[in-house]
């Protein structure tokens, strides 16, 4: 078992869980319109799926069922988590508008570059590789949608 890999993947799971909770919070804001709530609920569900996928990767590492390489330094991950925590403080405002929520989501997906983390995990296991590609594709989609929505483009 590789504790370093497991530690990094466990932190990635936590990040996905935090994003799922944040986006779920946005989906339940009483002053958001129904389509906006639905959008955030969908994104939250995808982030939870990402967490579950990363959990499968972590389990494969823990049980040595697949060869997994992680080209990610823990320092970079800690820096991401620190910046994410700053953003989360802003996101906890009860008076958050729909536009501000989109801007926060775009900041997470673009400026913090969540997508780059999954690109640094490699495996020879076809099932896990397919799942990691799903996360990468979803995250690209999130990035484009959130940037466009934050600019008022739908």
Protein backbone atom coordinates (compact mmCIF):
# COMPACT_ATOMS: atom_id res chain seq x y z
CA UNK A 1 0.00 0.00 0.00
CA UNK A 2 1.27 3.46 -0.89
CA UNK A 3 0.30 5.86 1.90
CA UNK A 4 1.38 8.94 -0.08
CA UNK A 5 -0.94 8.09 -3.00
CA UNK A 6 -3.74 7.20 -0.64
CA UNK A 7 -3.31 10.50 1.23
CA UNK A 8 -3.47 12.54 -1.97
CA UNK A 9 -6.48 10.67 -3.33
CA UNK A 10 -8.25 10.94 0.05
CA UNK A 11 -7.77 14.73 -0.09
CA UNK A 12 -9.17 14.78 -3.64
CA UNK A 13 -12.22 12.90 -2.35
CA UNK A 14 -12.64 15.54 0.35
CA UNK A 15 -12.45 18.32 -2.25
CA UNK A 16 -15.13 16.67 -4.38
CA UNK A 17 -17.31 16.23 -1.27
CA UNK A 18 -16.87 19.90 -0.32
CA UNK A 19 -17.82 21.00 -3.85
CA UNK A 20 -20.85 18.70 -3.82
CA UNK A 21 -21.99 20.22 -0.50
CA UNK A 22 -21.41 23.78 -1.73
CA UNK A 23 -23.30 23.20 -4.96
CA UNK A 24 -26.09 21.44 -3.03
CA UNK A 25 -26.34 24.52 -0.81
CA UNK A 26 -26.70 26.65 -3.96
CA UNK A 27 -29.41 24.28 -5.26
CA UNK A 28 -31.47 24.86 -2.12
CA UNK A 29 -31.31 28.66 -1.98
CA UNK A 30 -34.90 29.82 -1.64
CA UNK A 31 -34.35 32.98 -3.68
CA UNK A 32 -32.82 31.18 -6.70
CA UNK A 33 -35.07 30.37 -9.67
CA UNK A 34 -36.09 26.78 -10.37
CA UNK A 35 -33.79 26.40 -13.43
CA UNK A 36 -30.80 27.70 -11.43
CA UNK A 37 -31.58 25.35 -8.54
CA UNK A 38 -31.80 22.45 -11.01
CA UNK A 39 -28.46 23.42 -12.56
CA UNK A 40 -26.74 23.42 -9.15
CA UNK A 41 -28.39 20.15 -8.15
CA UNK A 42 -27.07 18.53 -11.34
CA UNK A 43 -23.55 19.85 -10.79
CA UNK A 44 -23.67 18.74 -7.13
CA UNK A 45 -24.68 15.24 -8.21
CA UNK A 46 -21.77 15.09 -10.63
CA UNK A 47 -19.32 16.23 -7.94
CA UNK A 48 -20.65 13.50 -5.62
CA UNK A 49 -20.16 10.98 -8.45
CA UNK A 50 -16.57 12.23 -8.79
CA UNK A 51 -16.06 11.64 -5.08
CA UNK A 52 -17.36 8.09 -5.43
CA UNK A 53 -15.06 7.45 -8.40
CA UNK A 54 -12.04 8.76 -6.51
CA UNK A 55 -13.05 6.51 -3.62
CA UNK A 56 -12.88 3.52 -6.02
CA UNK A 57 -9.41 4.65 -7.14
CA UNK A 58 -8.32 4.97 -3.51
CA UNK A 59 -9.68 1.53 -2.72
CA UNK A 60 -7.77 0.07 -5.69
CA UNK A 61 -4.58 1.69 -4.37
CA UNK A 62 -5.24 0.52 -0.82
CA UNK A 63 -5.95 -3.05 -1.91
CA UNK A 64 -3.23 -3.00 -4.59
CA UNK A 65 -5.78 -4.11 -7.20
CA UNK A 66 -4.56 -1.70 -9.88
CA UNK A 67 -1.44 0.20 -10.80
CA UNK A 68 -2.11 3.86 -10.13
CA UNK A 69 0.40 6.69 -10.38
CA UNK A 70 -0.23 10.12 -8.92
CA UNK A 71 1.97 12.93 -10.20
CA UNK A 72 0.68 15.45 -7.71
CA UNK A 73 2.59 17.04 -4.88
CA UNK A 74 0.77 17.27 -1.57
CA UNK A 75 1.89 20.93 -1.27
CA UNK A 76 -0.04 21.84 -4.43
CA UNK A 77 -3.10 20.10 -3.07
CA UNK A 78 -2.83 21.92 0.26
CA UNK A 79 -2.55 25.24 -1.61
CA UNK A 80 -5.72 24.39 -3.54
CA UNK A 81 -7.56 23.50 -0.32
CA UNK A 82 -6.44 26.76 1.29
CA UNK A 83 -7.74 28.82 -1.65
CA UNK A 84 -10.93 26.78 -1.71
CA UNK A 85 -11.52 27.53 1.97
CA UNK A 86 -11.22 31.27 1.26
CA UNK A 87 -13.81 30.97 -1.51
CA UNK A 88 -16.12 28.93 0.72
CA UNK A 89 -16.18 31.72 3.29
CA UNK A 90 -17.53 34.07 0.60
CA UNK A 91 -20.00 31.43 -0.55
CA UNK A 92 -21.53 31.06 2.90
CA UNK A 93 -23.29 34.43 2.63
CA UNK A 94 -27.06 34.13 2.85
CA UNK A 95 -27.45 37.10 0.49
CA UNK A 96 -25.61 35.45 -2.38
CA UNK A 97 -27.13 36.19 -5.79
CA UNK A 98 -27.39 33.71 -8.65
CA UNK A 99 -24.68 35.63 -10.53
CA UNK A 100 -22.38 35.53 -7.51
CA UNK A 101 -22.92 31.77 -7.17
CA UNK A 102 -21.97 31.29 -10.83
CA UNK A 103 -18.88 33.45 -10.32
CA UNK A 104 -17.84 31.39 -7.30
CA UNK A 105 -18.31 28.17 -9.26
CA UNK A 106 -16.31 29.56 -12.19
CA UNK A 107 -13.52 30.67 -9.86
CA UNK A 108 -13.28 27.15 -8.41
CA UNK A 109 -13.36 25.40 -11.77
CA UNK A 110 -11.11 27.85 -13.65
CA UNK A 111 -8.79 29.78 -11.35
CA UNK A 112 -8.18 26.91 -8.97
CA UNK A 113 -8.03 24.52 -11.96
CA UNK A 114 -9.78 21.56 -10.36
CA UNK A 115 -9.54 19.69 -13.66
CA UNK A 116 -5.74 19.52 -13.59
CA UNK A 117 -5.75 17.16 -10.61
CA UNK A 118 -7.45 14.27 -12.39
CA UNK A 119 -5.02 14.66 -15.29
CA UNK A 120 -2.23 13.83 -12.86
CA UNK A 121 -3.66 10.44 -11.93
CA UNK A 122 -2.83 7.59 -14.29
CA UNK A 123 -3.71 3.93 -14.29
CA UNK A 124 -3.38 0.90 -16.50
CA UNK A 125 -6.75 -0.36 -15.25
CA UNK A 126 -9.22 0.25 -18.09
CA UNK A 127 -12.30 0.67 -15.85
CA UNK A 128 -10.59 3.17 -13.54
CA UNK A 129 -9.09 5.02 -16.50
CA UNK A 130 -12.54 5.36 -18.07
CA UNK A 131 -13.93 6.70 -14.77
CA UNK A 132 -11.07 9.20 -14.41
CA UNK A 133 -11.76 10.42 -17.96
CA UNK A 134 -15.42 10.90 -17.00
CA UNK A 135 -14.34 13.20 -14.14
CA UNK A 136 -12.05 15.13 -16.47
CA UNK A 137 -14.80 15.57 -19.09
CA UNK A 138 -17.38 16.60 -16.49
CA UNK A 139 -14.99 19.12 -15.01
CA UNK A 140 -14.28 20.63 -18.45
CA UNK A 141 -18.03 20.90 -18.98
CA UNK A 142 -18.46 22.55 -15.56
CA UNK A 143 -15.72 25.03 -16.41
CA UNK A 144 -17.28 26.10 -19.70
CA UNK A 145 -20.81 26.31 -18.33
CA UNK A 146 -19.86 28.23 -15.20
CA UNK A 147 -17.66 30.71 -17.04
CA UNK A 148 -20.44 31.34 -19.58
CA UNK A 149 -23.14 31.59 -16.92
CA UNK A 150 -20.99 33.94 -14.81
CA UNK A 151 -20.78 36.19 -17.90
CA UNK A 152 -24.51 36.01 -18.49
CA UNK A 153 -24.18 33.69 -21.50
CA UNK A 154 -26.60 30.75 -21.53
